[in-house]
Protein backbone atom coordinates (compact mmCIF):
# COMPACT_ATOMS: atom_id res chain seq x y z
CA MET A 1 33.47 194.98 -159.13
CA ASN A 2 30.07 196.37 -158.96
CA GLN A 3 28.66 198.79 -156.49
CA THR A 4 27.21 195.84 -154.49
CA GLU A 5 30.45 194.12 -154.04
CA ARG A 6 31.96 197.19 -153.11
CA PHE A 7 29.46 197.71 -150.53
CA TYR A 8 29.89 194.20 -148.89
CA ARG A 9 33.71 194.44 -149.30
CA ILE A 10 33.88 197.86 -147.41
CA ASP A 11 31.60 196.22 -144.49
CA GLN A 12 33.98 193.10 -144.54
CA ILE A 13 37.25 195.33 -144.27
CA LEU A 14 35.64 197.48 -141.66
CA HIS A 15 34.64 194.36 -139.52
CA GLU A 16 38.02 192.62 -139.90
CA ARG A 17 40.35 195.74 -138.77
CA ARG A 18 39.78 198.26 -136.05
CA VAL A 19 40.62 201.14 -138.08
CA VAL A 20 40.95 201.43 -141.83
CA THR A 21 42.79 204.42 -143.61
CA PHE A 22 41.33 205.65 -146.81
CA GLN A 23 43.92 204.49 -148.90
CA HIS A 24 43.77 200.90 -147.66
CA LEU A 25 40.30 201.01 -148.93
CA LEU A 26 41.23 202.31 -152.33
CA ASP A 27 43.71 199.72 -152.69
CA ALA A 28 41.32 196.80 -151.82
CA LEU A 29 38.66 198.06 -154.08
CA GLU A 30 40.70 199.52 -156.88
CA VAL A 31 38.48 202.41 -157.85
CA SER A 32 38.77 206.19 -157.85
CA ARG A 33 38.80 208.44 -154.85
CA ALA A 34 35.42 210.01 -156.09
CA THR A 35 33.73 206.38 -156.21
CA LEU A 36 34.97 205.53 -152.78
CA LYS A 37 33.68 208.72 -151.27
CA ARG A 38 30.10 208.12 -152.99
CA ASP A 39 30.02 204.58 -151.54
CA LEU A 40 30.94 205.42 -147.95
CA GLN A 41 28.11 208.45 -148.23
CA TYR A 42 25.88 205.88 -149.62
CA LEU A 43 26.24 203.35 -146.98
CA ARG A 44 26.07 206.22 -144.18
CA ASP A 45 22.89 208.22 -145.66
CA ARG A 46 21.00 205.37 -147.37
CA LEU A 47 21.81 202.10 -145.64
CA ASN A 48 22.59 203.48 -142.11
CA VAL A 49 25.75 201.87 -141.70
CA PRO A 50 27.53 203.54 -138.75
CA ILE A 51 30.66 204.28 -140.54
CA ILE A 52 32.77 207.28 -138.84
CA TYR A 53 36.26 208.93 -139.79
CA ASP A 54 38.21 208.97 -136.81
CA ARG A 55 40.85 211.82 -136.82
CA ASP A 56 42.84 210.63 -133.81
CA ALA A 57 43.30 207.05 -135.31
CA GLY A 58 43.58 208.56 -138.87
CA GLY A 59 40.91 206.41 -140.57
CA TYR A 60 37.43 204.89 -140.89
CA ARG A 61 35.73 202.69 -138.45
CA PHE A 62 32.39 201.66 -137.31
CA GLU A 63 30.66 203.71 -134.49
CA ALA A 64 30.16 201.99 -131.19
CA PRO A 65 26.84 201.00 -130.35
CA THR A 66 24.94 202.49 -127.74
CA SER A 67 23.08 200.07 -125.35
CA GLN A 68 19.58 200.90 -127.39
CA ALA A 69 21.43 200.24 -130.85
CA THR A 70 21.18 197.14 -132.53
CA LYS A 71 24.17 195.69 -134.61
CA HIS A 72 23.80 196.93 -138.17
CA GLU A 73 23.27 194.33 -141.17
CA LEU A 74 23.58 195.01 -144.87
CA PRO A 75 20.18 193.92 -146.68
CA GLY A 76 20.23 190.27 -147.30
CA LEU A 77 19.19 190.28 -150.90
CA TRP A 78 21.95 191.83 -153.18
CA PHE A 79 21.72 189.88 -156.17
CA ASN A 80 21.55 190.93 -160.13
CA ALA A 81 18.78 189.83 -162.24
CA SER A 82 21.03 186.59 -163.58
CA GLU A 83 22.11 185.54 -159.94
CA ILE A 84 18.48 185.66 -158.32
CA HIS A 85 17.14 183.74 -161.41
CA ALA A 86 19.93 180.93 -161.12
CA LEU A 87 19.24 180.76 -157.17
CA LEU A 88 15.48 180.68 -157.60
CA MET A 89 15.76 178.05 -160.32
CA MET A 90 17.80 175.90 -158.44
CA GLN A 91 15.71 176.06 -155.43
CA ASN A 92 12.63 175.39 -157.51
CA LEU A 93 14.28 172.31 -159.05
CA LEU A 94 15.45 171.02 -155.86
CA GLU A 95 11.85 171.21 -154.37
CA GLU A 96 10.63 169.07 -157.37
CA VAL A 97 13.16 166.39 -156.48
CA GLN A 98 11.61 163.03 -155.86
CA PRO A 99 13.01 160.59 -152.91
CA GLY A 100 15.94 158.86 -154.20
CA LEU A 101 19.70 158.39 -154.02
CA LEU A 102 20.26 162.40 -153.87
CA GLY A 103 18.00 162.50 -150.90
CA PRO A 104 20.66 162.94 -148.28
CA HIS A 105 22.53 165.63 -150.20
CA ILE A 106 19.20 167.60 -151.34
CA ALA A 107 18.47 169.04 -147.88
CA PRO A 108 21.95 170.64 -147.20
CA LEU A 109 21.70 172.23 -150.73
CA GLN A 110 18.43 173.58 -149.91
CA THR A 111 19.62 174.92 -146.57
CA ARG A 112 22.64 176.64 -148.21
CA LEU A 113 20.38 178.12 -150.80
CA LYS A 114 17.97 179.58 -148.21
CA SER A 115 21.07 181.24 -146.43
CA LEU A 116 21.95 182.84 -149.84
CA LEU A 117 18.74 183.90 -150.44
CA GLY A 118 17.94 185.72 -147.22
CA SER A 119 19.05 187.10 -143.99
CA GLN A 120 17.52 188.00 -140.69
CA ASP A 121 15.86 190.85 -142.14
CA ASP A 122 14.93 189.38 -145.74
CA ALA A 123 13.84 185.86 -144.90
CA PRO A 124 13.86 183.13 -147.62
CA GLU A 125 10.19 182.86 -147.55
CA GLU A 126 9.77 186.57 -147.92
CA VAL A 127 12.15 186.33 -151.17
CA ALA A 128 10.02 183.75 -152.56
CA ARG A 129 6.80 185.46 -151.99
CA ARG A 130 8.28 188.66 -153.53
CA ILE A 131 10.10 187.36 -156.53
CA ARG A 132 8.65 184.50 -158.48
CA ILE A 133 9.67 182.47 -161.34
CA LEU A 134 6.97 181.43 -163.47
CA HIS A 135 7.17 178.26 -165.66
CA ALA A 136 5.17 178.64 -169.05
CA ALA A 137 3.89 175.74 -171.05
CA LYS A 138 5.32 173.16 -168.88
CA ARG A 139 3.87 169.91 -169.29
CA SER A 140 2.75 167.95 -166.09
CA ALA A 141 3.84 164.41 -166.31
CA ASP A 142 5.57 161.66 -164.43
CA LEU A 143 8.97 160.97 -165.96
CA GLU A 144 8.98 157.45 -165.28
CA TYR A 145 11.66 156.49 -167.32
CA PHE A 146 14.06 159.49 -166.86
CA ASP A 147 16.39 157.67 -164.49
CA LEU A 148 17.03 155.13 -166.67
CA ILE A 149 17.60 157.30 -169.85
CA ALA A 150 19.84 159.43 -167.84
CA SER A 151 22.01 156.37 -166.99
CA THR A 152 22.17 154.66 -170.29
CA LEU A 153 23.22 158.32 -171.75
CA LEU A 154 26.13 158.45 -169.28
CA LYS A 155 26.99 154.68 -169.67
CA ARG A 156 26.91 155.02 -173.47
CA ARG A 157 24.59 152.09 -173.74
CA ARG A 158 21.62 151.87 -176.13
CA LEU A 159 17.67 152.14 -175.18
CA PHE A 160 14.63 150.44 -176.69
CA ILE A 161 11.63 152.83 -176.20
CA ARG A 162 7.96 153.28 -177.13
CA HIS A 163 7.37 156.77 -178.03
CA TYR A 164 4.21 158.66 -178.18
CA ASN A 165 3.92 161.15 -181.21
CA ARG A 166 1.34 163.92 -180.22
CA GLY A 167 1.10 164.94 -183.86
CA THR A 168 -0.36 161.75 -185.41
CA ASP A 169 -1.65 160.49 -182.05
CA GLN A 170 0.43 157.13 -182.43
CA GLU A 171 3.21 155.26 -180.96
CA THR A 172 6.09 153.85 -182.53
CA GLU A 173 8.90 151.41 -181.16
CA ARG A 174 12.58 152.08 -181.94
CA GLU A 175 16.02 151.49 -180.74
CA VAL A 176 18.23 154.54 -180.00
CA SER A 177 21.50 155.64 -179.23
CA PRO A 178 21.04 158.48 -176.43
CA GLN A 179 23.26 161.39 -177.11
CA ARG A 180 22.31 164.32 -174.69
CA LEU A 181 19.68 165.59 -172.68
CA ILE A 182 17.89 168.90 -173.25
CA TYR A 183 15.90 171.16 -171.09
CA TYR A 184 13.93 173.50 -173.19
CA ARG A 185 11.04 175.62 -172.31
CA ASP A 186 10.59 173.72 -168.96
CA ASN A 187 10.45 170.24 -170.64
CA TRP A 188 13.18 167.49 -170.97
CA TYR A 189 14.10 166.32 -174.61
CA LEU A 190 16.34 163.51 -175.54
CA ASP A 191 18.72 163.88 -178.31
CA ALA A 192 19.54 160.59 -179.98
CA TRP A 193 20.48 158.27 -182.89
CA CYS A 194 17.42 156.55 -184.06
CA HIS A 195 18.49 153.05 -185.44
CA LEU A 196 14.90 152.74 -187.25
CA ARG A 197 15.23 156.11 -189.37
CA GLU A 198 18.82 155.94 -189.30
CA GLU A 199 19.17 159.42 -188.40
CA ILE A 200 19.36 161.92 -185.48
CA ARG A 201 16.15 162.61 -183.68
CA SER A 202 14.86 164.58 -180.67
CA PHE A 203 12.18 162.83 -178.43
CA ALA A 204 10.01 164.67 -175.48
CA VAL A 205 10.85 162.59 -172.63
CA ASP A 206 7.50 162.78 -171.21
CA ALA A 207 6.25 161.11 -174.25
CA ILE A 208 8.28 158.18 -173.99
CA ARG A 209 5.56 155.39 -172.83
CA ARG A 210 8.36 152.73 -172.08
CA ALA A 211 12.00 152.19 -172.16
CA GLU A 212 14.43 149.23 -171.91
CA LEU A 213 18.04 148.85 -171.62
CA VAL A 214 19.66 147.38 -174.65
CA ASP A 215 23.10 145.77 -173.98
CA LYS A 216 24.60 147.37 -176.87
CA ARG A 217 27.28 149.99 -177.11
CA SER A 218 25.85 153.42 -178.12
CA LYS A 219 26.43 154.71 -181.56
CA GLU A 220 28.56 158.09 -180.98
CA ILE A 221 27.51 161.08 -183.02
CA ALA A 222 30.04 164.11 -183.13
CA LYS A 223 28.58 167.39 -181.34
CA ARG A 224 29.12 169.18 -184.45
CA ASP A 225 26.72 166.71 -186.21
CA LEU A 226 24.18 167.09 -183.53
CA ASP A 227 24.11 170.90 -183.78
CA SER A 228 23.92 170.69 -187.70
CA VAL A 229 20.64 169.15 -187.42
CA LEU A 230 19.38 169.91 -184.31
CA GLY A 231 20.57 173.36 -183.66
CA ALA A 232 20.53 174.95 -187.03
CA GLY A 233 16.72 175.24 -187.31
CA TYR A 234 14.34 177.17 -185.13
CA GLY A 235 13.40 175.71 -181.48
CA ILE A 236 13.38 172.28 -180.84
CA PHE A 237 12.31 170.53 -183.94
CA SER A 238 14.87 169.11 -185.89
CA GLY A 239 16.00 168.96 -189.67
CA ALA A 240 19.11 169.01 -191.66
CA ALA A 241 17.49 171.03 -194.46
CA VAL A 242 17.02 174.60 -193.50
CA THR A 243 15.03 177.41 -194.86
CA TRP A 244 15.04 180.92 -194.08
CA ALA A 245 11.79 182.86 -193.18
CA THR A 246 11.18 186.42 -193.38
CA LEU A 247 8.91 187.98 -190.92
CA ARG A 248 7.56 191.57 -190.82
CA PHE A 249 6.19 193.18 -187.58
CA THR A 250 4.36 196.08 -187.05
CA PRO A 251 5.90 199.18 -185.47
CA GLN A 252 3.76 198.49 -182.33
CA ARG A 253 4.71 194.93 -182.04
CA ALA A 254 8.54 195.48 -182.94
CA ARG A 255 8.85 197.34 -179.45
CA TRP A 256 8.37 194.17 -178.01
CA VAL A 257 10.00 191.69 -180.65
CA ALA A 258 13.10 193.80 -181.15
CA ALA A 259 14.56 193.17 -177.94
CA GLU A 260 13.94 189.30 -178.30
CA GLN A 261 16.47 186.73 -179.41
CA TRP A 262 14.52 184.15 -181.68
CA HIS A 263 17.60 182.44 -183.12
CA PRO A 264 21.33 182.95 -182.67
CA LEU A 265 21.74 183.39 -186.50
CA GLN A 266 18.83 185.72 -186.83
CA LYS A 267 18.97 189.03 -189.11
CA ALA A 268 17.33 191.94 -188.22
CA SER A 269 16.39 195.55 -189.22
CA PHE A 270 14.03 198.44 -188.92
CA LEU A 271 12.56 199.80 -192.12
CA GLU A 272 12.06 203.45 -192.76
CA ASP A 273 8.25 203.15 -191.93
CA GLY A 274 9.00 201.75 -188.43
CA HIS A 275 8.25 197.92 -189.41
CA TYR A 276 10.80 195.34 -188.10
CA LEU A 277 12.00 192.82 -190.52
CA LEU A 278 13.25 189.45 -189.01
CA GLU A 279 15.18 186.84 -190.88
CA LEU A 280 15.71 183.49 -189.25
CA PRO A 281 16.38 179.72 -190.26
CA TYR A 282 13.97 176.87 -189.65
CA ALA A 283 13.96 173.14 -190.80
CA ASN A 284 10.40 172.25 -189.11
CA PRO A 285 8.12 174.96 -189.32
CA THR A 286 5.86 173.67 -186.51
CA GLU A 287 7.29 175.74 -183.70
CA LEU A 288 7.69 178.67 -185.53
CA VAL A 289 4.16 178.69 -187.03
CA MET A 290 3.20 178.53 -183.26
CA ASP A 291 5.18 181.66 -182.35
CA ILE A 292 4.18 183.61 -185.36
CA LEU A 293 0.43 182.95 -184.53
CA ARG A 294 0.94 184.25 -180.86
CA HIS A 295 1.52 187.80 -182.37
CA GLY A 296 -1.42 187.76 -184.48
CA SER A 297 -2.29 190.62 -186.78
CA GLY A 298 1.10 192.01 -185.53
CA VAL A 299 3.09 190.18 -187.84
CA GLU A 300 3.04 188.85 -191.72
CA VAL A 301 5.04 186.04 -193.14
CA LEU A 302 6.71 187.51 -196.21
CA GLU A 303 8.86 184.46 -197.28
CA PRO A 304 8.65 181.46 -198.02
CA ALA A 305 5.67 181.08 -199.86
CA ALA A 306 4.94 177.70 -198.09
CA LEU A 307 5.09 179.11 -194.64
CA ARG A 308 3.19 181.82 -195.50
CA ARG A 309 0.45 179.56 -196.73
CA MET A 310 0.74 177.61 -193.62
CA VAL A 311 0.08 180.40 -191.36
CA GLN A 312 -2.73 181.65 -193.62
CA LYS A 313 -4.27 178.13 -193.21
CA GLU A 314 -3.95 178.19 -189.55
CA LEU A 315 -5.79 181.50 -189.33
CA ALA A 316 -8.53 180.67 -191.61
CA GLU A 317 -9.28 177.58 -189.62
CA ALA A 318 -9.06 179.45 -186.48
CA LEU A 319 -11.54 182.07 -188.14
CA THR A 320 -14.03 179.39 -188.88
CA ASN A 321 -14.25 178.32 -185.30
CA TYR A 322 -15.30 181.73 -184.55
CA ASN A 323 -18.04 181.98 -187.34
CA ARG A 324 -19.59 179.11 -186.07
CA PRO A 325 -22.66 179.62 -183.96
CA LYS A 326 -21.70 179.01 -180.43
CA GLU A 327 -23.27 175.90 -178.78
CA GLY A 328 -25.80 176.74 -176.25
CA GLY A 329 -25.96 180.47 -177.85
C-alpha cells in the first residue's frame, strides 16, 4: 500500500482501538520499522494528527482533546492522478445525463461521488474549482439516436442509418450490424459491419442523421477481426492495409513527443544529434496528417513518400492563405 493508504489505515486503527502497539501497526501495514516511524512522525508534524505514545499503556493513542480543540480530520482529497481523473470524469459524465430511465439512479451516484471527492474541509465544489478536466475537440451535438443504437447493439439487431460524411459533404443510407460503441477523443463512434460496402466501418454517432431498427439478426464479427481493421492503423480511421510512417522530430519538440504514445505498436529512438525518430502504422492518413501538422516545423515526414507529399500539400495550401492580402487590410 502507498503512503496515503497507510495514513488512513493508521488513523482507522487508532480510532478502532483505545491503544495500539507498535508491533500491531507493523503487522497491519506490513512495512519496515523505519517506514512506520516516518509515517507517525509525518502525521504528527505535518498533518497535526494528535498521536502520542502512552508509556503506561504500552502503545500509541490519540491525545484526549481539550475543550477548545476540535476533532482532527485527515485531508479529504487523497487521490493519485488516475483516481482523481476517473472520479471527475464520472462526475462530468453524470452531469451530462439527460432525464430518462436512469434518472432515479443518477442522484445517489452523484451524492456518493461528492462524498468521495470531498470532506468538511475539502468541499466537492472546491475540488471542482481547483481541479479541472478539459475536453478537447468535443463536438457539440444532440445524440438523438444514441439510445436506439445502444439498444440494437446489445440486442444484436440491425440498423438502417442515414450517415453524413463531413469529408464529402454527402449523406448515404445503409444497413449496418452494430458491433461496439467507442468513446474516442471525447466523441462517440459506432463500429459496425456495413451491408452496403460489405466491410467493417466506423461511424461518428453525432453524424447519424437518421436511424431505424431493422428486424434482422446482426451479423457477428469476431473481436480480432474488428481490431485487425479498426485497431491496426492510426487513430479512429479504419483500413486493413497498413502502411508504416517514419517521422523525425526536432530535439526541442522531442521533449514533448518522446513522452507520448501515438500508437501501441510504435517504435521510437533518439538519433545522435538529438532528433527523435517515431515509426507507427496507419491505414487512413487523415488523422495522422492532422496530428503531424499541429507540430509545425518541429516534425518532418521521412517515409512514405505519399504521406510526405500529402503533408507538403497541406502546408503549401496553408501558406497560400497567409500570402493572400488580408480582406479589409
